[in-house]
Amino acid sequence: MAVKLSRYAFEHAKQLIGAGKFVFDERDAWSEHQPSSQRENDFIERHGFEEYGKWHLGINDEKPEDTKGRYEFPYGDFKNVHRCGVISAESRAGQYKHFDIEKAAHHLHETIDARADKGAAKERAAQHSRSASHRPAR
């Protein structure tokens, strides 16, 4: 089995989402939002491959350690989880029949959507409350 789910990366992504460190972006934005090769290299130079691996849901155990090729299915920009990255990972994992990664990405996708819906509901309630407090008394 070459590519398998990195539980370490999956837990990292869940922690980031729980802390609100996610970007609710559009499905097709990943090509613009994913880190460039140079940014990846800079990150690896500063933090090492172990930290780099946290940002990828898949590990290819047939590739040598300490290579970028070992890590697959990126989902963030080294600061935030990106919804578009998660959706891309979910889609690609399903396409290549990496069902454990697909399932994990789907869970992250649903969690981001639920958190975003909850945040939007809170914001609407806060706006409603602010507007109600500024209404003239009758």
Foldseek 3Di string as FASTA:
>chain_A
DFKAFDVLLLVVQVVQVVVVQEDADDQPCCVVFEDDPVLLVVCCVVPNDVLSQSQAGMAGPVDDPRDPVRGHQGAHHSGGGYLNSLSVQLVVCVVVVNVNSNVSSVVSNVSNVVVVVVVVVVVVVVVVVVVVVPDDDD
